[in-house]
PDB file of N, CA and C in Angstrom:
ATOM      1  N   GLN A   1     166.526 122.501  54.687  1.00  0.00           N
ATOM      2  CA  GLN A   1     165.302 123.097  55.188  1.00  0.00           C
ATOM      3  C   GLN A   1     164.573 123.792  54.045  1.00  0.00           C
ATOM      4  N   VAL A   2     163.277 123.534  53.959  1.00  0.00           N
ATOM      5  CA  VAL A   2     162.448 124.134  52.922  1.00  0.00           C
ATOM      6  C   VAL A   2     161.547 125.180  53.559  1.00  0.00           C
ATOM      7  N   GLN A   3     161.464 126.329  52.952  1.00  0.00           N
ATOM      8  CA  GLN A   3     160.555 127.380  53.411  1.00  0.00           C
ATOM      9  C   GLN A   3     159.350 127.422  52.476  1.00  0.00           C
ATOM     10  N   LEU A   4     158.165 127.515  53.076  1.00  0.00           N
ATOM     11  CA  LEU A   4     156.917 127.528  52.315  1.00  0.00           C
ATOM     12  C   LEU A   4     156.149 128.809  52.634  1.00  0.00           C
ATOM     13  N   VAL A   5     155.705 129.493  51.602  1.00  0.00           N
ATOM     14  CA  VAL A   5     154.929 130.721  51.771  1.00  0.00           C
ATOM     15  C   VAL A   5     153.609 130.567  51.034  1.00  0.00           C
ATOM     16  N   GLU A   6     152.512 130.642  51.784  1.00  0.00           N
ATOM     17  CA  GLU A   6     151.180 130.484  51.222  1.00  0.00           C
ATOM     18  C   GLU A   6     150.547 131.839  50.935  1.00  0.00           C
ATOM     19  N   SER A   7     149.640 131.844  49.980  1.00  0.00           N
ATOM     20  CA  SER A   7     148.855 133.038  49.689  1.00  0.00           C
ATOM     21  C   SER A   7     147.549 132.620  49.038  1.00  0.00           C
ATOM     22  N   GLY A   8     146.579 133.540  49.043  1.00  0.00           N
ATOM     23  CA  GLY A   8     145.341 133.302  48.315  1.00  0.00           C
ATOM     24  C   GLY A   8     144.116 133.039  49.155  1.00  0.00           C
ATOM     25  N   GLY A   9     144.251 132.967  50.462  1.00  0.00           N
ATOM     26  CA  GLY A   9     143.074 132.741  51.296  1.00  0.00           C
ATOM     27  C   GLY A   9     142.192 133.974  51.348  1.00  0.00           C
ATOM     28  N   GLY A  10     141.030 133.823  51.984  1.00  0.00           N
ATOM     29  CA  GLY A  10     140.125 134.960  52.117  1.00  0.00           C
ATOM     30  C   GLY A  10     138.709 134.527  52.395  1.00  0.00           C
ATOM     31  N   LEU A  11     137.800 135.477  52.218  1.00  0.00           N
ATOM     32  CA  LEU A  11     136.373 135.246  52.447  1.00  0.00           C
ATOM     33  C   LEU A  11     135.668 135.090  51.110  1.00  0.00           C
ATOM     34  N   VAL A  12     134.845 134.064  50.991  1.00  0.00           N
ATOM     35  CA  VAL A  12     134.119 133.817  49.745  1.00  0.00           C
ATOM     36  C   VAL A  12     132.732 133.293  50.089  1.00  0.00           C
ATOM     37  N   GLN A  13     131.788 133.550  49.223  1.00  0.00           N
ATOM     38  CA  GLN A  13     130.423 133.062  49.448  1.00  0.00           C
ATOM     39  C   GLN A  13     130.313 131.596  49.049  1.00  0.00           C
ATOM     40  N   PRO A  14     129.365 130.889  49.629  1.00  0.00           N
ATOM     41  CA  PRO A  14     129.143 129.492  49.210  1.00  0.00           C
ATOM     42  C   PRO A  14     128.932 129.409  47.704  1.00  0.00           C
ATOM     43  N   GLY A  15     129.564 128.403  47.096  1.00  0.00           N
ATOM     44  CA  GLY A  15     129.510 128.237  45.648  1.00  0.00           C
ATOM     45  C   GLY A  15     130.606 128.963  44.910  1.00  0.00           C
ATOM     46  N   GLY A  16     131.351 129.794  45.619  1.00  0.00           N
ATOM     47  CA  GLY A  16     132.420 130.556  44.995  1.00  0.00           C
ATOM     48  C   GLY A  16     133.707 129.772  44.860  1.00  0.00           C
ATOM     49  N   SER A  17     134.747 130.481  44.396  1.00  0.00           N
ATOM     50  CA  SER A  17     136.042 129.854  44.138  1.00  0.00           C
ATOM     51  C   SER A  17     137.172 130.668  44.751  1.00  0.00           C
ATOM     52  N   LEU A  18     138.238 129.964  45.085  1.00  0.00           N
ATOM     53  CA  LEU A  18     139.487 130.585  45.521  1.00  0.00           C
ATOM     54  C   LEU A  18     140.637 129.736  44.991  1.00  0.00           C
ATOM     55  N   ARG A  19     141.780 130.378  44.808  1.00  0.00           N
ATOM     56  CA  ARG A  19     142.986 129.635  44.454  1.00  0.00           C
ATOM     57  C   ARG A  19     144.069 129.950  45.467  1.00  0.00           C
ATOM     58  N   LEU A  20     144.587 128.898  46.085  1.00  0.00           N
ATOM     59  CA  LEU A  20     145.697 129.032  47.014  1.00  0.00           C
ATOM     60  C   LEU A  20     147.005 128.733  46.291  1.00  0.00           C
ATOM     61  N   SER A  21     148.054 129.450  46.693  1.00  0.00           N
ATOM     62  CA  SER A  21     149.388 129.219  46.144  1.00  0.00           C
ATOM     63  C   SER A  21     150.353 128.936  47.282  1.00  0.00           C
ATOM     64  N   CYS A  22     151.324 128.090  47.002  1.00  0.00           N
ATOM     65  CA  CYS A  22     152.374 127.781  47.976  1.00  0.00           C
ATOM     66  C   CYS A  22     153.703 127.765  47.245  1.00  0.00           C
ATOM     67  N   ALA A  23     154.549 128.728  47.572  1.00  0.00           N
ATOM     68  CA  ALA A  23     155.861 128.839  46.947  1.00  0.00           C
ATOM     69  C   ALA A  23     156.915 128.271  47.878  1.00  0.00           C
ATOM     70  N   ALA A  24     157.722 127.367  47.351  1.00  0.00           N
ATOM     71  CA  ALA A  24     158.776 126.722  48.138  1.00  0.00           C
ATOM     72  C   ALA A  24     160.134 127.287  47.770  1.00  0.00           C
ATOM     73  N   SER A  25     160.990 127.413  48.771  1.00  0.00           N
ATOM     74  CA  SER A  25     162.366 127.845  48.538  1.00  0.00           C
ATOM     75  C   SER A  25     163.267 127.061  49.480  1.00  0.00           C
ATOM     76  N   GLY A  26     164.546 127.049  49.150  1.00  0.00           N
ATOM     77  CA  GLY A  26     165.478 126.292  49.968  1.00  0.00           C
ATOM     78  C   GLY A  26     165.841 124.977  49.308  1.00  0.00           C
ATOM     79  N   SER A  27     166.194 124.001  50.118  1.00  0.00           N
ATOM     80  CA  SER A  27     166.705 122.719  49.616  1.00  0.00           C
ATOM     81  C   SER A  27     165.542 121.752  49.361  1.00  0.00           C
ATOM     82  N   MET A  28     165.001 121.814  48.146  1.00  0.00           N
ATOM     83  CA  MET A  28     163.892 120.915  47.799  1.00  0.00           C
ATOM     84  C   MET A  28     164.410 119.494  47.575  1.00  0.00           C
ATOM     85  N   PHE A  29     163.592 118.512  47.967  1.00  0.00           N
ATOM     86  CA  PHE A  29     163.913 117.120  47.691  1.00  0.00           C
ATOM     87  C   PHE A  29     163.663 116.813  46.222  1.00  0.00           C
ATOM     88  N   THR A  30     164.448 115.891  45.673  1.00  0.00           N
ATOM     89  CA  THR A  30     164.183 115.425  44.311  1.00  0.00           C
ATOM     90  C   THR A  30     162.887 114.605  44.292  1.00  0.00           C
ATOM     91  N   PHE A  31     162.741 113.732  45.288  1.00  0.00           N
ATOM     92  CA  PHE A  31     161.534 112.903  45.406  1.00  0.00           C
ATOM     93  C   PHE A  31     160.667 113.527  46.515  1.00  0.00           C
ATOM     94  N   PHE A  32     159.680 114.299  46.102  1.00  0.00           N
ATOM     95  CA  PHE A  32     158.917 115.064  47.083  1.00  0.00           C
ATOM     96  C   PHE A  32     157.419 114.896  46.891  1.00  0.00           C
ATOM     97  N   VAL A  33     156.725 115.266  47.948  1.00  0.00           N
ATOM     98  CA  VAL A  33     155.281 115.432  47.909  1.00  0.00           C
ATOM     99  C   VAL A  33     154.989 116.833  48.432  1.00  0.00           C
ATOM    100  N   MET A  34     154.126 117.545  47.733  1.00  0.00           N
ATOM    101  CA  MET A  34     153.654 118.843  48.229  1.00  0.00           C
ATOM    102  C   MET A  34     152.143 118.798  48.304  1.00  0.00           C
ATOM    103  N   GLY A  35     151.605 119.392  49.332  1.00  0.00           N
ATOM    104  CA  GLY A  35     150.159 119.309  49.473  1.00  0.00           C
ATOM    105  C   GLY A  35     149.586 120.327  50.414  1.00  0.00           C
ATOM    106  N   TRP A  36     148.289 120.232  50.575  1.00  0.00           N
ATOM    107  CA  TRP A  36     147.523 121.128  51.427  1.00  0.00           C
ATOM    108  C   TRP A  36     146.778 120.325  52.478  1.00  0.00           C
ATOM    109  N   TYR A  37     146.856 120.822  53.694  1.00  0.00           N
ATOM    110  CA  TYR A  37     146.090 120.295  54.812  1.00  0.00           C
ATOM    111  C   TYR A  37     145.222 121.428  55.330  1.00  0.00           C
ATOM    112  N   ARG A  38     144.202 121.075  56.096  1.00  0.00           N
ATOM    113  CA  ARG A  38     143.389 122.109  56.723  1.00  0.00           C
ATOM    114  C   ARG A  38     143.035 121.709  58.143  1.00  0.00           C
ATOM    115  N   GLN A  39     142.739 122.742  58.929  1.00  0.00           N
ATOM    116  CA  GLN A  39     142.444 122.508  60.340  1.00  0.00           C
ATOM    117  C   GLN A  39     141.424 123.514  60.832  1.00  0.00           C
ATOM    118  N   THR A  40     140.463 123.030  61.604  1.00  0.00           N
ATOM    119  CA  THR A  40     139.490 123.879  62.286  1.00  0.00           C
ATOM    120  C   THR A  40     139.684 123.693  63.789  1.00  0.00           C
ATOM    121  N   PRO A  41     139.234 124.670  64.586  1.00  0.00           N
ATOM    122  CA  PRO A  41     139.441 124.592  66.040  1.00  0.00           C
ATOM    123  C   PRO A  41     138.905 123.296  66.635  1.00  0.00           C
ATOM    124  N   GLY A  42     139.729 122.652  67.434  1.00  0.00           N
ATOM    125  CA  GLY A  42     139.319 121.439  68.119  1.00  0.00           C
ATOM    126  C   GLY A  42     139.402 120.172  67.303  1.00  0.00           C
ATOM    127  N   LYS A  43     139.851 120.297  66.055  1.00  0.00           N
ATOM    128  CA  LYS A  43     139.952 119.123  65.181  1.00  0.00           C
ATOM    129  C   LYS A  43     141.382 118.919  64.734  1.00  0.00           C
ATOM    130  N   GLN A  44     141.666 117.682  64.340  1.00  0.00           N
ATOM    131  CA  GLN A  44     142.994 117.376  63.832  1.00  0.00           C
ATOM    132  C   GLN A  44     143.179 117.936  62.435  1.00  0.00           C
ATOM    133  N   ARG A  45     144.428 118.231  62.117  1.00  0.00           N
ATOM    134  CA  ARG A  45     144.743 118.675  60.764  1.00  0.00           C
ATOM    135  C   ARG A  45     144.496 117.503  59.810  1.00  0.00           C
ATOM    136  N   GLU A  46     143.851 117.792  58.680  1.00  0.00           N
ATOM    137  CA  GLU A  46     143.521 116.724  57.732  1.00  0.00           C
ATOM    138  C   GLU A  46     144.056 117.043  56.349  1.00  0.00           C
ATOM    139  N   LEU A  47     144.384 115.991  55.629  1.00  0.00           N
ATOM    140  CA  LEU A  47     144.858 116.146  54.259  1.00  0.00           C
ATOM    141  C   LEU A  47     143.711 116.588  53.366  1.00  0.00           C
ATOM    142  N   VAL A  48     143.992 117.571  52.513  1.00  0.00           N
ATOM    143  CA  VAL A  48     143.028 118.014  51.512  1.00  0.00           C
ATOM    144  C   VAL A  48     143.409 117.463  50.144  1.00  0.00           C
ATOM    145  N   ALA A  49     144.644 117.714  49.746  1.00  0.00           N
ATOM    146  CA  ALA A  49     145.117 117.252  48.443  1.00  0.00           C
ATOM    147  C   ALA A  49     146.632 117.298  48.439  1.00  0.00           C
ATOM    148  N   GLU A  50     147.240 116.419  47.637  1.00  0.00           N
ATOM    149  CA  GLU A  50     148.688 116.403  47.520  1.00  0.00           C
ATOM    150  C   GLU A  50     149.087 115.973  46.115  1.00  0.00           C
ATOM    151  N   ILE A  51     150.306 116.354  45.747  1.00  0.00           N
ATOM    152  CA  ILE A  51     150.851 116.011  44.435  1.00  0.00           C
ATOM    153  C   ILE A  51     152.321 115.710  44.622  1.00  0.00           C
ATOM    154  N   ASP A  52     152.840 114.714  43.899  1.00  0.00           N
ATOM    155  CA  ASP A  52     154.246 114.388  44.086  1.00  0.00           C
ATOM    156  C   ASP A  52     155.076 114.793  42.873  1.00  0.00           C
ATOM    157  N   ASP A  53     156.364 114.502  42.936  1.00  0.00           N
ATOM    158  CA  ASP A  53     157.282 114.928  41.878  1.00  0.00           C
ATOM    159  C   ASP A  53     156.938 114.296  40.537  1.00  0.00           C
ATOM    160  N   ARG A  54     156.190 113.175  40.544  1.00  0.00           N
ATOM    161  CA  ARG A  54     155.793 112.517  39.291  1.00  0.00           C
ATOM    162  C   ARG A  54     154.476 113.078  38.749  1.00  0.00           C
ATOM    163  N   GLY A  55     153.831 113.941  39.547  1.00  0.00           N
ATOM    164  CA  GLY A  55     152.546 114.488  39.132  1.00  0.00           C
ATOM    165  C   GLY A  55     151.356 113.672  39.592  1.00  0.00           C
ATOM    166  N   ILE A  56     151.602 112.675  40.415  1.00  0.00           N
ATOM    167  CA  ILE A  56     150.508 111.849  40.936  1.00  0.00           C
ATOM    168  C   ILE A  56     149.799 112.612  42.049  1.00  0.00           C
ATOM    169  N   THR A  57     148.478 112.636  41.969  1.00  0.00           N
ATOM    170  CA  THR A  57     147.680 113.410  42.931  1.00  0.00           C
ATOM    171  C   THR A  57     146.848 112.501  43.833  1.00  0.00           C
ATOM    172  N   ASN A  58     146.461 113.074  44.963  1.00  0.00           N
ATOM    173  CA  ASN A  58     145.623 112.373  45.931  1.00  0.00           C
ATOM    174  C   ASN A  58     144.718 113.407  46.577  1.00  0.00           C
ATOM    175  N   TYR A  59     143.435 113.093  46.699  1.00  0.00           N
ATOM    176  CA  TYR A  59     142.467 114.034  47.256  1.00  0.00           C
ATOM    177  C   TYR A  59     141.665 113.403  48.378  1.00  0.00           C
ATOM    178  N   ALA A  60     141.272 114.233  49.331  1.00  0.00           N
ATOM    179  CA  ALA A  60     140.292 113.797  50.318  1.00  0.00           C
ATOM    180  C   ALA A  60     138.953 113.599  49.611  1.00  0.00           C
ATOM    181  N   ASP A  61     138.188 112.627  50.074  1.00  0.00           N
ATOM    182  CA  ASP A  61     136.893 112.354  49.436  1.00  0.00           C
ATOM    183  C   ASP A  61     135.991 113.586  49.455  1.00  0.00           C
ATOM    184  N   SER A  62     136.095 114.387  50.486  1.00  0.00           N
ATOM    185  CA  SER A  62     135.202 115.537  50.649  1.00  0.00           C
ATOM    186  C   SER A  62     135.436 116.639  49.624  1.00  0.00           C
ATOM    187  N   VAL A  63     136.584 116.609  48.927  1.00  0.00           N
ATOM    188  CA  VAL A  63     136.877 117.678  47.970  1.00  0.00           C
ATOM    189  C   VAL A  63     136.990 117.170  46.539  1.00  0.00           C
ATOM    190  N   LYS A  64     136.892 115.868  46.339  1.00  0.00           N
ATOM    191  CA  LYS A  64     137.009 115.316  44.984  1.00  0.00           C
ATOM    192  C   LYS A  64     135.936 115.919  44.074  1.00  0.00           C
ATOM    193  N   GLY A  65     136.377 116.316  42.883  1.00  0.00           N
ATOM    194  CA  GLY A  65     135.458 116.917  41.923  1.00  0.00           C
ATOM    195  C   GLY A  65     135.274 118.412  42.105  1.00  0.00           C
ATOM    196  N   ARG A  66     135.759 118.954  43.211  1.00  0.00           N
ATOM    197  CA  ARG A  66     135.630 120.396  43.472  1.00  0.00           C
ATOM    198  C   ARG A  66     136.980 121.098  43.516  1.00  0.00           C
ATOM    199  N   PHE A  67     137.995 120.428  44.065  1.00  0.00           N
ATOM    200  CA  PHE A  67     139.324 121.014  44.217  1.00  0.00           C
ATOM    201  C   PHE A  67     140.276 120.359  43.226  1.00  0.00           C
ATOM    202  N   THR A  68     141.240 121.141  42.756  1.00  0.00           N
ATOM    203  CA  THR A  68     142.266 120.627  41.859  1.00  0.00           C
ATOM    204  C   THR A  68     143.624 121.126  42.317  1.00  0.00           C
ATOM    205  N   ILE A  69     144.553 120.207  42.511  1.00  0.00           N
ATOM    206  CA  ILE A  69     145.920 120.581  42.881  1.00  0.00           C
ATOM    207  C   ILE A  69     146.799 120.469  41.644  1.00  0.00           C
ATOM    208  N   SER A  70     147.718 121.420  41.514  1.00  0.00           N
ATOM    209  CA  SER A  70     148.641 121.408  40.380  1.00  0.00           C
ATOM    210  C   SER A  70     149.966 121.997  40.836  1.00  0.00           C
ATOM    211  N   LYS A  71     150.995 121.791  40.006  1.00  0.00           N
ATOM    212  CA  LYS A  71     152.305 122.329  40.374  1.00  0.00           C
ATOM    213  C   LYS A  71     152.987 122.946  39.173  1.00  0.00           C
ATOM    214  N   ASP A  72     153.801 123.932  39.460  1.00  0.00           N
ATOM    215  CA  ASP A  72     154.678 124.547  38.466  1.00  0.00           C
ATOM    216  C   ASP A  72     156.095 124.270  38.945  1.00  0.00           C
ATOM    217  N   SER A  73     156.713 123.253  38.381  1.00  0.00           N
ATOM    218  CA  SER A  73     158.026 122.829  38.871  1.00  0.00           C
ATOM    219  C   SER A  73     159.082 123.908  38.679  1.00  0.00           C
ATOM    220  N   ALA A  74     158.973 124.674  37.616  1.00  0.00           N
ATOM    221  CA  ALA A  74     159.958 125.731  37.356  1.00  0.00           C
ATOM    222  C   ALA A  74     159.931 126.801  38.443  1.00  0.00           C
ATOM    223  N   LYS A  75     158.751 126.993  39.046  1.00  0.00           N
ATOM    224  CA  LYS A  75     158.599 128.009  40.086  1.00  0.00           C
ATOM    225  C   LYS A  75     158.574 127.408  41.484  1.00  0.00           C
ATOM    226  N   ASN A  76     158.687 126.095  41.585  1.00  0.00           N
ATOM    227  CA  ASN A  76     158.582 125.411  42.887  1.00  0.00           C
ATOM    228  C   ASN A  76     157.315 125.841  43.619  1.00  0.00           C
ATOM    229  N   THR A  77     156.239 125.900  42.891  1.00  0.00           N
ATOM    230  CA  THR A  77     154.974 126.389  43.436  1.00  0.00           C
ATOM    231  C   THR A  77     153.868 125.367  43.202  1.00  0.00           C
ATOM    232  N   VAL A  78     153.030 125.213  44.217  1.00  0.00           N
ATOM    233  CA  VAL A  78     151.864 124.346  44.130  1.00  0.00           C
ATOM    234  C   VAL A  78     150.613 125.207  44.296  1.00  0.00           C
ATOM    235  N   TYR A  79     149.598 124.862  43.529  1.00  0.00           N
ATOM    236  CA  TYR A  79     148.341 125.609  43.560  1.00  0.00           C
ATOM    237  C   TYR A  79     147.197 124.690  43.976  1.00  0.00           C
ATOM    238  N   LEU A  80     146.225 125.257  44.648  1.00  0.00           N
ATOM    239  CA  LEU A  80     145.001 124.532  44.971  1.00  0.00           C
ATOM    240  C   LEU A  80     143.830 125.373  44.481  1.00  0.00           C
ATOM    241  N   GLN A  81     143.223 124.936  43.398  1.00  0.00           N
ATOM    242  CA  GLN A  81     142.032 125.594  42.881  1.00  0.00           C
ATOM    243  C   GLN A  81     140.820 125.002  43.577  1.00  0.00           C
ATOM    244  N   MET A  82     140.080 125.855  44.267  1.00  0.00           N
ATOM    245  CA  MET A  82     138.929 125.395  45.045  1.00  0.00           C
ATOM    246  C   MET A  82     137.663 125.995  44.444  1.00  0.00           C
ATOM    247  N   ASN A  83     136.810 125.128  43.915  1.00  0.00           N
ATOM    248  CA  ASN A  83     135.547 125.550  43.322  1.00  0.00           C
ATOM    249  C   ASN A  83     134.374 124.999  44.129  1.00  0.00           C
ATOM    250  N   SER A  84     133.218 125.557  43.890  1.00  0.00           N
ATOM    251  CA  SER A  84     131.991 125.108  44.583  1.00  0.00           C
ATOM    252  C   SER A  84     132.207 125.010  46.087  1.00  0.00           C
ATOM    253  N   LEU A  85     132.769 126.056  46.637  1.00  0.00           N
ATOM    254  CA  LEU A  85     133.116 126.036  48.061  1.00  0.00           C
ATOM    255  C   LEU A  85     131.878 125.968  48.940  1.00  0.00           C
ATOM    256  N   LYS A  86     132.031 125.265  50.051  1.00  0.00           N
ATOM    257  CA  LYS A  86     130.950 125.065  51.015  1.00  0.00           C
ATOM    258  C   LYS A  86     131.369 125.643  52.366  1.00  0.00           C
ATOM    259  N   PRO A  87     130.416 125.972  53.202  1.00  0.00           N
ATOM    260  CA  PRO A  87     130.788 126.478  54.546  1.00  0.00           C
ATOM    261  C   PRO A  87     131.693 125.508  55.310  1.00  0.00           C
ATOM    262  N   GLU A  88     131.523 124.220  55.088  1.00  0.00           N
ATOM    263  CA  GLU A  88     132.365 123.250  55.791  1.00  0.00           C
ATOM    264  C   GLU A  88     133.802 123.212  55.284  1.00  0.00           C
ATOM    265  N   ASP A  89     134.100 123.955  54.231  1.00  0.00           N
ATOM    266  CA  ASP A  89     135.484 124.087  53.775  1.00  0.00           C
ATOM    267  C   ASP A  89     136.226 125.166  54.565  1.00  0.00           C
ATOM    268  N   THR A  90     135.508 125.900  55.399  1.00  0.00           N
ATOM    269  CA  THR A  90     136.139 126.929  56.212  1.00  0.00           C
ATOM    270  C   THR A  90     137.169 126.318  57.150  1.00  0.00           C
ATOM    271  N   ALA A  91     138.390 126.841  57.085  1.00  0.00           N
ATOM    272  CA  ALA A  91     139.485 126.295  57.885  1.00  0.00           C
ATOM    273  C   ALA A  91     140.741 127.131  57.636  1.00  0.00           C
ATOM    274  N   VAL A  92     141.761 126.857  58.424  1.00  0.00           N
ATOM    275  CA  VAL A  92     143.101 127.351  58.100  1.00  0.00           C
ATOM    276  C   VAL A  92     143.758 126.289  57.228  1.00  0.00           C
ATOM    277  N   TYR A  93     144.237 126.709  56.082  1.00  0.00           N
ATOM    278  CA  TYR A  93     144.869 125.798  55.125  1.00  0.00           C
ATOM    279  C   TYR A  93     146.386 125.940  55.227  1.00  0.00           C
ATOM    280  N   TYR A  94     147.038 124.796  55.376  1.00  0.00           N
ATOM    281  CA  TYR A  94     148.488 124.761  55.532  1.00  0.00           C
ATOM    282  C   TYR A  94     149.124 124.026  54.353  1.00  0.00           C
ATOM    283  N   CYS A  95     150.192 124.595  53.849  1.00  0.00           N
ATOM    284  CA  CYS A  95     150.993 123.930  52.822  1.00  0.00           C
ATOM    285  C   CYS A  95     152.022 123.040  53.504  1.00  0.00           C
ATOM    286  N   ASN A  96     152.271 121.900  52.912  1.00  0.00           N
ATOM    287  CA  ASN A  96     153.232 120.935  53.452  1.00  0.00           C
ATOM    288  C   ASN A  96     154.074 120.367  52.331  1.00  0.00           C
ATOM    289  N   THR A  97     155.318 120.087  52.638  1.00  0.00           N
ATOM    290  CA  THR A  97     156.134 119.298  51.736  1.00  0.00           C
ATOM    291  C   THR A  97     156.926 118.287  52.538  1.00  0.00           C
ATOM    292  N   HIS A  98     157.140 117.115  51.958  1.00  0.00           N
ATOM    293  CA  HIS A  98     157.937 116.100  52.637  1.00  0.00           C
ATOM    294  C   HIS A  98     158.549 115.182  51.590  1.00  0.00           C
ATOM    295  N   HIS A  99     159.509 114.391  52.039  1.00  0.00           N
ATOM    296  CA  HIS A  99     160.177 113.443  51.148  1.00  0.00           C
ATOM    297  C   HIS A  99     159.196 112.322  50.798  1.00  0.00           C
ATOM    298  N   ARG A 100     159.185 111.919  49.574  1.00  0.00           N
ATOM    299  CA  ARG A 100     158.233 110.904  49.129  1.00  0.00           C
ATOM    300  C   ARG A 100     158.548 109.519  49.693  1.00  0.00           C
ATOM    301  N   VAL A 101     159.785 109.274  50.066  1.00  0.00           N
ATOM    302  CA  VAL A 101     160.192 107.937  50.511  1.00  0.00           C
ATOM    303  C   VAL A 101     160.575 107.909  51.993  1.00  0.00           C
ATOM    304  N   VAL A 102     161.316 108.914  52.418  1.00  0.00           N
ATOM    305  CA  VAL A 102     161.828 108.949  53.796  1.00  0.00           C
ATOM    306  C   VAL A 102     160.856 109.720  54.674  1.00  0.00           C
ATOM    307  N   ALA A 103     160.353 109.069  55.718  1.00  0.00           N
ATOM    308  CA  ALA A 103     159.364 109.707  56.593  1.00  0.00           C
ATOM    309  C   ALA A 103     160.022 110.709  57.535  1.00  0.00           C
ATOM    310  N   GLY A 104     159.210 111.664  57.995  1.00  0.00           N
ATOM    311  CA  GLY A 104     159.675 112.563  59.031  1.00  0.00           C
ATOM    312  C   GLY A 104     160.370 113.824  58.567  1.00  0.00           C
ATOM    313  N   LEU A 105     160.476 114.031  57.282  1.00  0.00           N
ATOM    314  CA  LEU A 105     161.173 115.215  56.765  1.00  0.00           C
ATOM    315  C   LEU A 105     160.134 116.213  56.250  1.00  0.00           C
ATOM    316  N   ASP A 106     159.370 116.777  57.155  1.00  0.00           N
ATOM    317  CA  ASP A 106     158.263 117.662  56.807  1.00  0.00           C
ATOM    318  C   ASP A 106     158.624 119.126  57.005  1.00  0.00           C
ATOM    319  N   SER A 107     158.090 119.962  56.131  1.00  0.00           N
ATOM    320  CA  SER A 107     158.116 121.410  56.314  1.00  0.00           C
ATOM    321  C   SER A 107     156.695 121.919  56.148  1.00  0.00           C
ATOM    322  N   TRP A 108     156.362 122.965  56.920  1.00  0.00           N
ATOM    323  CA  TRP A 108     155.011 123.521  56.910  1.00  0.00           C
ATOM    324  C   TRP A 108     155.044 125.022  56.661  1.00  0.00           C
ATOM    325  N   GLY A 109     154.002 125.500  56.001  1.00  0.00           N
ATOM    326  CA  GLY A 109     153.808 126.930  55.879  1.00  0.00           C
ATOM    327  C   GLY A 109     153.121 127.472  57.115  1.00  0.00           C
ATOM    328  N   GLN A 110     152.900 128.784  57.104  1.00  0.00           N
ATOM    329  CA  GLN A 110     152.330 129.445  58.272  1.00  0.00           C
ATOM    330  C   GLN A 110     150.810 129.354  58.322  1.00  0.00           C
ATOM    331  N   GLY A 111     150.198 128.966  57.232  1.00  0.00           N
ATOM    332  CA  GLY A 111     148.746 128.818  57.184  1.00  0.00           C
ATOM    333  C   GLY A 111     148.060 130.037  56.604  1.00  0.00           C
ATOM    334  N   THR A 112     146.944 129.802  55.925  1.00  0.00           N
ATOM    335  CA  THR A 112     146.136 130.886  55.382  1.00  0.00           C
ATOM    336  C   THR A 112     144.667 130.572  55.638  1.00  0.00           C
ATOM    337  N   GLN A 113     143.924 131.567  56.080  1.00  0.00           N
ATOM    338  CA  GLN A 113     142.526 131.364  56.454  1.00  0.00           C
ATOM    339  C   GLN A 113     141.631 131.384  55.222  1.00  0.00           C
ATOM    340  N   VAL A 114     140.767 130.392  55.129  1.00  0.00           N
ATOM    341  CA  VAL A 114     139.719 130.351  54.113  1.00  0.00           C
ATOM    342  C   VAL A 114     138.384 130.327  54.844  1.00  0.00           C
ATOM    343  N   THR A 115     137.537 131.291  54.540  1.00  0.00           N
ATOM    344  CA  THR A 115     136.229 131.379  55.174  1.00  0.00           C
ATOM    345  C   THR A 115     135.160 131.389  54.093  1.00  0.00           C
ATOM    346  N   VAL A 116     134.237 130.437  54.185  1.00  0.00           N
ATOM    347  CA  VAL A 116     133.140 130.341  53.233  1.00  0.00           C
ATOM    348  C   VAL A 116     131.856 130.682  53.973  1.00  0.00           C
ATOM    349  N   SER A 117     131.307 131.833  53.650  1.00  0.00           N
ATOM    350  CA  SER A 117     130.144 132.312  54.395  1.00  0.00           C
ATOM    351  C   SER A 117     129.386 133.328  53.568  1.00  0.00           C
ATOM    352  N   SER A 118     128.072 133.353  53.757  1.00  0.00           N
ATOM    353  CA  SER A 118     127.255 134.364  53.084  1.00  0.00           C
ATOM    354  C   SER A 118     127.050 135.567  53.996  1.00  0.00           C
TER     355      SER A 118
END
């Protein structure tokens, strides 16, 4: 079981920046994917960005060029740098990790609120 603790959410004005952090502890997979999803009321949770143990990244089209995901393997921590934030980025952001090959082995964080508003 992997435990995920998120931090870094908050209120920011349009065009501003935030950095989210997700620290993992417990039994990490050797072949893993860690990433960020977001959810707004009445909508399905959607992938924002993910990175795997090889450093390969994947982004939603809506955040390409604005968000950057990175990892610090020594700290078992993943970061999401969010720049040029828009009101439509407002959501609860959830950290996720799962096995890169075997499906169904997911762990989730508790979520952190990001609000983009003037």
